[in-house]
Amino acid sequence: MPRLTEERAKEYWRRNISLVVKLLLIWFAVSFGCGILLVDVLNEFHLGGFKLGFWFAQQGSIYVFVALIFYYARKMAALDHEFGVDDE
């Protein structure tokens, strides 16, 4: 496995942490925002017979979290490849 220079390693981790923070903010906005703060507004709509605010609090944030995991894995694979630290 090739070693990164200190500058390249710092850039790699900066971009990694930036991605993690952005994805956590999205998850927070969905789970806290849609499941708690906006629940009354969202409850005016229904999804599968359930109020949308309830759905986000019980299921939606979990689905978003799983989607974010797959997105993170794909973006990190690309970042690893860009910096030459992938397994291939």
PDB file of N, CA and C in Angstrom:
ATOM      1  N   MET A   1       0.857  -1.184   0.000  1.00  0.00           N
ATOM      2  CA  MET A   1       0.000   0.000   0.000  1.00  0.00           C
ATOM      3  C   MET A   1       0.897   1.239   0.000  1.00  0.00           C
ATOM      4  N   PRO A   2       0.672   2.142  -0.912  1.00  0.00           N
ATOM      5  CA  PRO A   2       1.515   3.345  -0.960  1.00  0.00           C
ATOM      6  C   PRO A   2       1.262   4.242   0.246  1.00  0.00           C
ATOM      7  N   ARG A   3       2.318   4.860   0.685  1.00  0.00           N
ATOM      8  CA  ARG A   3       2.203   5.780   1.805  1.00  0.00           C
ATOM      9  C   ARG A   3       1.925   7.177   1.273  1.00  0.00           C
ATOM     10  N   LEU A   4       1.078   7.883   1.982  1.00  0.00           N
ATOM     11  CA  LEU A   4       0.755   9.248   1.603  1.00  0.00           C
ATOM     12  C   LEU A   4       1.735  10.195   2.268  1.00  0.00           C
ATOM     13  N   THR A   5       2.005  11.291   1.574  1.00  0.00           N
ATOM     14  CA  THR A   5       2.772  12.336   2.233  1.00  0.00           C
ATOM     15  C   THR A   5       1.899  12.922   3.336  1.00  0.00           C
ATOM     16  N   GLU A   6       2.517  13.613   4.257  1.00  0.00           N
ATOM     17  CA  GLU A   6       1.747  14.181   5.364  1.00  0.00           C
ATOM     18  C   GLU A   6       0.680  15.150   4.863  1.00  0.00           C
ATOM     19  N   GLU A   7       1.024  15.930   3.850  1.00  0.00           N
ATOM     20  CA  GLU A   7       0.058  16.877   3.286  1.00  0.00           C
ATOM     21  C   GLU A   7      -1.122  16.158   2.629  1.00  0.00           C
ATOM     22  N   ARG A   8      -0.839  15.101   1.865  1.00  0.00           N
ATOM     23  CA  ARG A   8      -1.912  14.323   1.223  1.00  0.00           C
ATOM     24  C   ARG A   8      -2.759  13.598   2.261  1.00  0.00           C
ATOM     25  N   ALA A   9      -2.137  13.114   3.314  1.00  0.00           N
ATOM     26  CA  ALA A   9      -2.883  12.430   4.378  1.00  0.00           C
ATOM     27  C   ALA A   9      -3.828  13.407   5.076  1.00  0.00           C
ATOM     28  N   LYS A  10      -3.353  14.617   5.323  1.00  0.00           N
ATOM     29  CA  LYS A  10      -4.210  15.623   5.956  1.00  0.00           C
ATOM     30  C   LYS A  10      -5.388  15.980   5.046  1.00  0.00           C
ATOM     31  N   GLU A  11      -5.141  16.096   3.756  1.00  0.00           N
ATOM     32  CA  GLU A  11      -6.215  16.397   2.800  1.00  0.00           C
ATOM     33  C   GLU A  11      -7.227  15.253   2.746  1.00  0.00           C
ATOM     34  N   TYR A  12      -6.715  14.023   2.748  1.00  0.00           N
ATOM     35  CA  TYR A  12      -7.592  12.854   2.755  1.00  0.00           C
ATOM     36  C   TYR A  12      -8.502  12.886   3.978  1.00  0.00           C
ATOM     37  N   TRP A  13      -7.966  13.098   5.160  1.00  0.00           N
ATOM     38  CA  TRP A  13      -8.772  13.099   6.380  1.00  0.00           C
ATOM     39  C   TRP A  13      -9.673  14.316   6.472  1.00  0.00           C
ATOM     40  N   ARG A  14      -9.226  15.446   5.938  1.00  0.00           N
ATOM     41  CA  ARG A  14     -10.086  16.619   5.918  1.00  0.00           C
ATOM     42  C   ARG A  14     -11.331  16.347   5.093  1.00  0.00           C
ATOM     43  N   ARG A  15     -11.155  15.759   3.927  1.00  0.00           N
ATOM     44  CA  ARG A  15     -12.295  15.455   3.066  1.00  0.00           C
ATOM     45  C   ARG A  15     -13.174  14.356   3.659  1.00  0.00           C
ATOM     46  N   ASN A  16     -12.553  13.381   4.318  1.00  0.00           N
ATOM     47  CA  ASN A  16     -13.308  12.323   4.980  1.00  0.00           C
ATOM     48  C   ASN A  16     -14.183  12.905   6.093  1.00  0.00           C
ATOM     49  N   ILE A  17     -13.606  13.706   6.949  1.00  0.00           N
ATOM     50  CA  ILE A  17     -14.354  14.311   8.061  1.00  0.00           C
ATOM     51  C   ILE A  17     -15.424  15.262   7.528  1.00  0.00           C
ATOM     52  N   SER A  18     -15.128  15.992   6.483  1.00  0.00           N
ATOM     53  CA  SER A  18     -16.113  16.880   5.882  1.00  0.00           C
ATOM     54  C   SER A  18     -17.330  16.091   5.400  1.00  0.00           C
ATOM     55  N   LEU A  19     -17.089  14.965   4.747  1.00  0.00           N
ATOM     56  CA  LEU A  19     -18.174  14.116   4.280  1.00  0.00           C
ATOM     57  C   LEU A  19     -18.995  13.583   5.457  1.00  0.00           C
ATOM     58  N   VAL A  20     -18.325  13.114   6.491  1.00  0.00           N
ATOM     59  CA  VAL A  20     -19.018  12.578   7.665  1.00  0.00           C
ATOM     60  C   VAL A  20     -19.894  13.649   8.312  1.00  0.00           C
ATOM     61  N   VAL A  21     -19.357  14.849   8.472  1.00  0.00           N
ATOM     62  CA  VAL A  21     -20.124  15.933   9.097  1.00  0.00           C
ATOM     63  C   VAL A  21     -21.352  16.279   8.263  1.00  0.00           C
ATOM     64  N   LYS A  22     -21.192  16.365   6.958  1.00  0.00           N
ATOM     65  CA  LYS A  22     -22.334  16.673   6.082  1.00  0.00           C
ATOM     66  C   LYS A  22     -23.414  15.603   6.183  1.00  0.00           C
ATOM     67  N   LEU A  23     -23.010  14.343   6.177  1.00  0.00           N
ATOM     68  CA  LEU A  23     -23.990  13.264   6.249  1.00  0.00           C
ATOM     69  C   LEU A  23     -24.672  13.212   7.616  1.00  0.00           C
ATOM     70  N   LEU A  24     -23.931  13.492   8.678  1.00  0.00           N
ATOM     71  CA  LEU A  24     -24.544  13.531  10.005  1.00  0.00           C
ATOM     72  C   LEU A  24     -25.531  14.689  10.125  1.00  0.00           C
ATOM     73  N   LEU A  25     -25.221  15.799   9.501  1.00  0.00           N
ATOM     74  CA  LEU A  25     -26.151  16.928   9.512  1.00  0.00           C
ATOM     75  C   LEU A  25     -27.439  16.581   8.760  1.00  0.00           C
ATOM     76  N   ILE A  26     -27.319  15.873   7.655  1.00  0.00           N
ATOM     77  CA  ILE A  26     -28.508  15.438   6.919  1.00  0.00           C
ATOM     78  C   ILE A  26     -29.333  14.499   7.781  1.00  0.00           C
ATOM     79  N   TRP A  27     -28.674  13.542   8.416  1.00  0.00           N
ATOM     80  CA  TRP A  27     -29.400  12.592   9.257  1.00  0.00           C
ATOM     81  C   TRP A  27     -30.066  13.303  10.436  1.00  0.00           C
ATOM     82  N   PHE A  28     -29.353  14.258  11.038  1.00  0.00           N
ATOM     83  CA  PHE A  28     -29.922  15.032  12.140  1.00  0.00           C
ATOM     84  C   PHE A  28     -31.156  15.805  11.667  1.00  0.00           C
ATOM     85  N   ALA A  29     -31.041  16.449  10.509  1.00  0.00           N
ATOM     86  CA  ALA A  29     -32.166  17.230   9.990  1.00  0.00           C
ATOM     87  C   ALA A  29     -33.382  16.341   9.746  1.00  0.00           C
ATOM     88  N   VAL A  30     -33.150  15.150   9.226  1.00  0.00           N
ATOM     89  CA  VAL A  30     -34.271  14.240   8.957  1.00  0.00           C
ATOM     90  C   VAL A  30     -34.833  13.682  10.252  1.00  0.00           C
ATOM     91  N   SER A  31     -33.970  13.174  11.127  1.00  0.00           N
ATOM     92  CA  SER A  31     -34.477  12.517  12.332  1.00  0.00           C
ATOM     93  C   SER A  31     -35.044  13.512  13.340  1.00  0.00           C
ATOM     94  N   PHE A  32     -34.319  14.576  13.622  1.00  0.00           N
ATOM     95  CA  PHE A  32     -34.785  15.551  14.603  1.00  0.00           C
ATOM     96  C   PHE A  32     -35.766  16.532  13.981  1.00  0.00           C
ATOM     97  N   GLY A  33     -35.427  17.039  12.809  1.00  0.00           N
ATOM     98  CA  GLY A  33     -36.280  18.028  12.155  1.00  0.00           C
ATOM     99  C   GLY A  33     -37.618  17.463  11.740  1.00  0.00           C
ATOM    100  N   CYS A  34     -37.589  16.376  10.959  1.00  0.00           N
ATOM    101  CA  CYS A  34     -38.848  15.805  10.455  1.00  0.00           C
ATOM    102  C   CYS A  34     -39.569  14.989  11.516  1.00  0.00           C
ATOM    103  N   GLY A  35     -38.840  14.346  12.404  1.00  0.00           N
ATOM    104  CA  GLY A  35     -39.462  13.491  13.399  1.00  0.00           C
ATOM    105  C   GLY A  35     -39.934  14.213  14.646  1.00  0.00           C
ATOM    106  N   ILE A  36     -39.402  15.417  14.916  1.00  0.00           N
ATOM    107  CA  ILE A  36     -39.757  16.133  16.148  1.00  0.00           C
ATOM    108  C   ILE A  36     -40.233  17.555  15.860  1.00  0.00           C
ATOM    109  N   LEU A  37     -39.395  18.361  15.227  1.00  0.00           N
ATOM    110  CA  LEU A  37     -39.724  19.775  15.037  1.00  0.00           C
ATOM    111  C   LEU A  37     -40.866  20.004  14.050  1.00  0.00           C
ATOM    112  N   LEU A  38     -40.858  19.283  12.946  1.00  0.00           N
ATOM    113  CA  LEU A  38     -41.856  19.497  11.903  1.00  0.00           C
ATOM    114  C   LEU A  38     -42.972  18.460  11.916  1.00  0.00           C
ATOM    115  N   VAL A  39     -43.090  17.721  13.016  1.00  0.00           N
ATOM    116  CA  VAL A  39     -44.048  16.622  13.059  1.00  0.00           C
ATOM    117  C   VAL A  39     -45.480  17.098  12.844  1.00  0.00           C
ATOM    118  N   ASP A  40     -45.861  18.229  13.395  1.00  0.00           N
ATOM    119  CA  ASP A  40     -47.226  18.708  13.236  1.00  0.00           C
ATOM    120  C   ASP A  40     -47.542  19.079  11.786  1.00  0.00           C
ATOM    121  N   VAL A  41     -46.589  19.692  11.125  1.00  0.00           N
ATOM    122  CA  VAL A  41     -46.778  20.054   9.720  1.00  0.00           C
ATOM    123  C   VAL A  41     -46.842  18.789   8.860  1.00  0.00           C
ATOM    124  N   LEU A  42     -45.933  17.855   9.118  1.00  0.00           N
ATOM    125  CA  LEU A  42     -45.891  16.626   8.320  1.00  0.00           C
ATOM    126  C   LEU A  42     -47.084  15.716   8.586  1.00  0.00           C
ATOM    127  N   ASN A  43     -47.668  15.807   9.774  1.00  0.00           N
ATOM    128  CA  ASN A  43     -48.811  14.957  10.098  1.00  0.00           C
ATOM    129  C   ASN A  43     -50.057  15.302   9.285  1.00  0.00           C
ATOM    130  N   GLU A  44     -50.025  16.405   8.565  1.00  0.00           N
ATOM    131  CA  GLU A  44     -51.135  16.743   7.682  1.00  0.00           C
ATOM    132  C   GLU A  44     -51.164  15.843   6.444  1.00  0.00           C
ATOM    133  N   PHE A  45     -50.061  15.147   6.187  1.00  0.00           N
ATOM    134  CA  PHE A  45     -49.956  14.247   5.037  1.00  0.00           C
ATOM    135  C   PHE A  45     -49.890  12.813   5.546  1.00  0.00           C
ATOM    136  N   HIS A  46     -50.270  11.892   4.694  1.00  0.00           N
ATOM    137  CA  HIS A  46     -50.267  10.480   5.069  1.00  0.00           C
ATOM    138  C   HIS A  46     -49.422   9.672   4.092  1.00  0.00           C
ATOM    139  N   LEU A  47     -48.783   8.642   4.617  1.00  0.00           N
ATOM    140  CA  LEU A  47     -47.977   7.721   3.814  1.00  0.00           C
ATOM    141  C   LEU A  47     -48.307   6.304   4.264  1.00  0.00           C
ATOM    142  N   GLY A  48     -48.917   5.539   3.396  1.00  0.00           N
ATOM    143  CA  GLY A  48     -49.290   4.174   3.743  1.00  0.00           C
ATOM    144  C   GLY A  48     -50.279   4.086   4.886  1.00  0.00           C
ATOM    145  N   GLY A  49     -51.140   5.078   5.015  1.00  0.00           N
ATOM    146  CA  GLY A  49     -52.137   5.076   6.079  1.00  0.00           C
ATOM    147  C   GLY A  49     -51.659   5.667   7.390  1.00  0.00           C
ATOM    148  N   PHE A  50     -50.412   6.076   7.443  1.00  0.00           N
ATOM    149  CA  PHE A  50     -49.853   6.656   8.661  1.00  0.00           C
ATOM    150  C   PHE A  50     -49.553   8.128   8.441  1.00  0.00           C
ATOM    151  N   LYS A  51     -49.625   8.902   9.492  1.00  0.00           N
ATOM    152  CA  LYS A  51     -49.261  10.308   9.402  1.00  0.00           C
ATOM    153  C   LYS A  51     -47.777  10.403   9.066  1.00  0.00           C
ATOM    154  N   LEU A  52     -47.431  11.327   8.185  1.00  0.00           N
ATOM    155  CA  LEU A  52     -46.059  11.424   7.696  1.00  0.00           C
ATOM    156  C   LEU A  52     -45.066  11.757   8.809  1.00  0.00           C
ATOM    157  N   GLY A  53     -45.445  12.609   9.751  1.00  0.00           N
ATOM    158  CA  GLY A  53     -44.558  12.925  10.873  1.00  0.00           C
ATOM    159  C   GLY A  53     -44.253  11.694  11.710  1.00  0.00           C
ATOM    160  N   PHE A  54     -45.278  10.899  11.976  1.00  0.00           N
ATOM    161  CA  PHE A  54     -45.093   9.641  12.708  1.00  0.00           C
ATOM    162  C   PHE A  54     -44.197   8.703  11.915  1.00  0.00           C
ATOM    163  N   TRP A  55     -44.434   8.620  10.600  1.00  0.00           N
ATOM    164  CA  TRP A  55     -43.633   7.738   9.756  1.00  0.00           C
ATOM    165  C   TRP A  55     -42.157   8.121   9.807  1.00  0.00           C
ATOM    166  N   PHE A  56     -41.854   9.426   9.708  1.00  0.00           N
ATOM    167  CA  PHE A  56     -40.456   9.859   9.776  1.00  0.00           C
ATOM    168  C   PHE A  56     -39.848   9.534  11.125  1.00  0.00           C
ATOM    169  N   ALA A  57     -40.605   9.715  12.193  1.00  0.00           N
ATOM    170  CA  ALA A  57     -40.078   9.448  13.527  1.00  0.00           C
ATOM    171  C   ALA A  57     -39.803   7.956  13.713  1.00  0.00           C
ATOM    172  N   GLN A  58     -40.634   7.095  13.134  1.00  0.00           N
ATOM    173  CA  GLN A  58     -40.507   5.660  13.359  1.00  0.00           C
ATOM    174  C   GLN A  58     -39.701   4.938  12.283  1.00  0.00           C
ATOM    175  N   GLN A  59     -39.822   5.329  11.028  1.00  0.00           N
ATOM    176  CA  GLN A  59     -39.197   4.594   9.936  1.00  0.00           C
ATOM    177  C   GLN A  59     -38.297   5.449   9.047  1.00  0.00           C
ATOM    178  N   GLY A  60     -38.764   6.645   8.729  1.00  0.00           N
ATOM    179  CA  GLY A  60     -38.086   7.463   7.726  1.00  0.00           C
ATOM    180  C   GLY A  60     -36.643   7.769   8.038  1.00  0.00           C
ATOM    181  N   SER A  61     -36.361   8.123   9.277  1.00  0.00           N
ATOM    182  CA  SER A  61     -34.982   8.465   9.624  1.00  0.00           C
ATOM    183  C   SER A  61     -34.076   7.238   9.537  1.00  0.00           C
ATOM    184  N   ILE A  62     -34.622   6.056   9.801  1.00  0.00           N
ATOM    185  CA  ILE A  62     -33.825   4.832   9.681  1.00  0.00           C
ATOM    186  C   ILE A  62     -33.503   4.563   8.212  1.00  0.00           C
ATOM    187  N   TYR A  63     -34.503   4.722   7.337  1.00  0.00           N
ATOM    188  CA  TYR A  63     -34.262   4.534   5.909  1.00  0.00           C
ATOM    189  C   TYR A  63     -33.233   5.530   5.381  1.00  0.00           C
ATOM    190  N   VAL A  64     -33.339   6.765   5.817  1.00  0.00           N
ATOM    191  CA  VAL A  64     -32.371   7.778   5.386  1.00  0.00           C
ATOM    192  C   VAL A  64     -30.978   7.414   5.892  1.00  0.00           C
ATOM    193  N   PHE A  65     -30.878   6.952   7.136  1.00  0.00           N
ATOM    194  CA  PHE A  65     -29.586   6.561   7.687  1.00  0.00           C
ATOM    195  C   PHE A  65     -28.964   5.427   6.875  1.00  0.00           C
ATOM    196  N   VAL A  66     -29.739   4.426   6.516  1.00  0.00           N
ATOM    197  CA  VAL A  66     -29.220   3.306   5.722  1.00  0.00           C
ATOM    198  C   VAL A  66     -28.770   3.798   4.343  1.00  0.00           C
ATOM    199  N   ALA A  67     -29.561   4.683   3.731  1.00  0.00           N
ATOM    200  CA  ALA A  67     -29.169   5.255   2.437  1.00  0.00           C
ATOM    201  C   ALA A  67     -27.871   6.045   2.561  1.00  0.00           C
ATOM    202  N   LEU A  68     -27.712   6.780   3.660  1.00  0.00           N
ATOM    203  CA  LEU A  68     -26.482   7.544   3.886  1.00  0.00           C
ATOM    204  C   LEU A  68     -25.280   6.624   4.065  1.00  0.00           C
ATOM    205  N   ILE A  69     -25.474   5.464   4.669  1.00  0.00           N
ATOM    206  CA  ILE A  69     -24.379   4.498   4.817  1.00  0.00           C
ATOM    207  C   ILE A  69     -23.895   4.041   3.446  1.00  0.00           C
ATOM    208  N   PHE A  70     -24.832   3.687   2.564  1.00  0.00           N
ATOM    209  CA  PHE A  70     -24.443   3.259   1.220  1.00  0.00           C
ATOM    210  C   PHE A  70     -23.774   4.398   0.450  1.00  0.00           C
ATOM    211  N   TYR A  71     -24.289   5.614   0.592  1.00  0.00           N
ATOM    212  CA  TYR A  71     -23.693   6.775  -0.066  1.00  0.00           C
ATOM    213  C   TYR A  71     -22.269   7.007   0.450  1.00  0.00           C
ATOM    214  N   TYR A  72     -22.090   6.924   1.779  1.00  0.00           N
ATOM    215  CA  TYR A  72     -20.766   7.121   2.374  1.00  0.00           C
ATOM    216  C   TYR A  72     -19.791   6.066   1.861  1.00  0.00           C
ATOM    217  N   ALA A  73     -20.214   4.812   1.804  1.00  0.00           N
ATOM    218  CA  ALA A  73     -19.332   3.746   1.329  1.00  0.00           C
ATOM    219  C   ALA A  73     -18.896   3.997  -0.107  1.00  0.00           C
ATOM    220  N   ARG A  74     -19.840   4.426  -0.951  1.00  0.00           N
ATOM    221  CA  ARG A  74     -19.498   4.708  -2.347  1.00  0.00           C
ATOM    222  C   ARG A  74     -18.546   5.895  -2.475  1.00  0.00           C
ATOM    223  N   LYS A  75     -18.837   6.976  -1.729  1.00  0.00           N
ATOM    224  CA  LYS A  75     -17.974   8.166  -1.799  1.00  0.00           C
ATOM    225  C   LYS A  75     -16.586   7.883  -1.224  1.00  0.00           C
ATOM    226  N   MET A  76     -16.506   7.078  -0.158  1.00  0.00           N
ATOM    227  CA  MET A  76     -15.202   6.762   0.417  1.00  0.00           C
ATOM    228  C   MET A  76     -14.398   5.850  -0.494  1.00  0.00           C
ATOM    229  N   ALA A  77     -15.063   4.947  -1.203  1.00  0.00           N
ATOM    230  CA  ALA A  77     -14.353   4.111  -2.164  1.00  0.00           C
ATOM    231  C   ALA A  77     -13.734   4.980  -3.252  1.00  0.00           C
ATOM    232  N   ALA A  78     -14.476   5.994  -3.707  1.00  0.00           N
ATOM    233  CA  ALA A  78     -13.950   6.918  -4.716  1.00  0.00           C
ATOM    234  C   ALA A  78     -12.806   7.749  -4.142  1.00  0.00           C
ATOM    235  N   LEU A  79     -12.953   8.195  -2.900  1.00  0.00           N
ATOM    236  CA  LEU A  79     -11.891   8.992  -2.262  1.00  0.00           C
ATOM    237  C   LEU A  79     -10.641   8.138  -2.053  1.00  0.00           C
ATOM    238  N   ASP A  80     -10.815   6.906  -1.601  1.00  0.00           N
ATOM    239  CA  ASP A  80      -9.681   5.999  -1.429  1.00  0.00           C
ATOM    240  C   ASP A  80      -8.964   5.776  -2.754  1.00  0.00           C
ATOM    241  N   HIS A  81      -9.738   5.586  -3.814  1.00  0.00           N
ATOM    242  CA  HIS A  81      -9.140   5.380  -5.140  1.00  0.00           C
ATOM    243  C   HIS A  81      -8.382   6.638  -5.590  1.00  0.00           C
ATOM    244  N   GLU A  82      -8.978   7.800  -5.355  1.00  0.00           N
ATOM    245  CA  GLU A  82      -8.340   9.067  -5.741  1.00  0.00           C
ATOM    246  C   GLU A  82      -6.990   9.247  -5.046  1.00  0.00           C
ATOM    247  N   PHE A  83      -6.896   8.840  -3.784  1.00  0.00           N
ATOM    248  CA  PHE A  83      -5.679   9.022  -3.027  1.00  0.00           C
ATOM    249  C   PHE A  83      -4.772   7.789  -3.081  1.00  0.00           C
ATOM    250  N   GLY A  84      -5.197   6.764  -3.812  1.00  0.00           N
ATOM    251  CA  GLY A  84      -4.364   5.586  -3.984  1.00  0.00           C
ATOM    252  C   GLY A  84      -4.258   4.704  -2.751  1.00  0.00           C
ATOM    253  N   VAL A  85      -5.252   4.723  -1.899  1.00  0.00           N
ATOM    254  CA  VAL A  85      -5.214   3.881  -0.690  1.00  0.00           C
ATOM    255  C   VAL A  85      -6.302   2.823  -0.714  1.00  0.00           C
ATOM    256  N   ASP A  86      -6.849   2.553  -1.907  1.00  0.00           N
ATOM    257  CA  ASP A  86      -7.886   1.518  -2.020  1.00  0.00           C
ATOM    258  C   ASP A  86      -7.244   0.151  -2.063  1.00  0.00           C
ATOM    259  N   ASP A  87      -8.063  -0.872  -1.993  1.00  0.00           N
ATOM    260  CA  ASP A  87      -7.573  -2.251  -1.963  1.00  0.00           C
ATOM    261  C   ASP A  87      -7.173  -2.774  -3.339  1.00  0.00           C
ATOM    262  N   GLU A  88      -7.568  -2.097  -4.380  1.00  0.00           N
ATOM    263  CA  GLU A  88      -7.291  -2.589  -5.735  1.00  0.00           C
ATOM    264  C   GLU A  88      -5.940  -2.173  -6.213  1.00  0.00           C
TER     265      GLU A  88
END
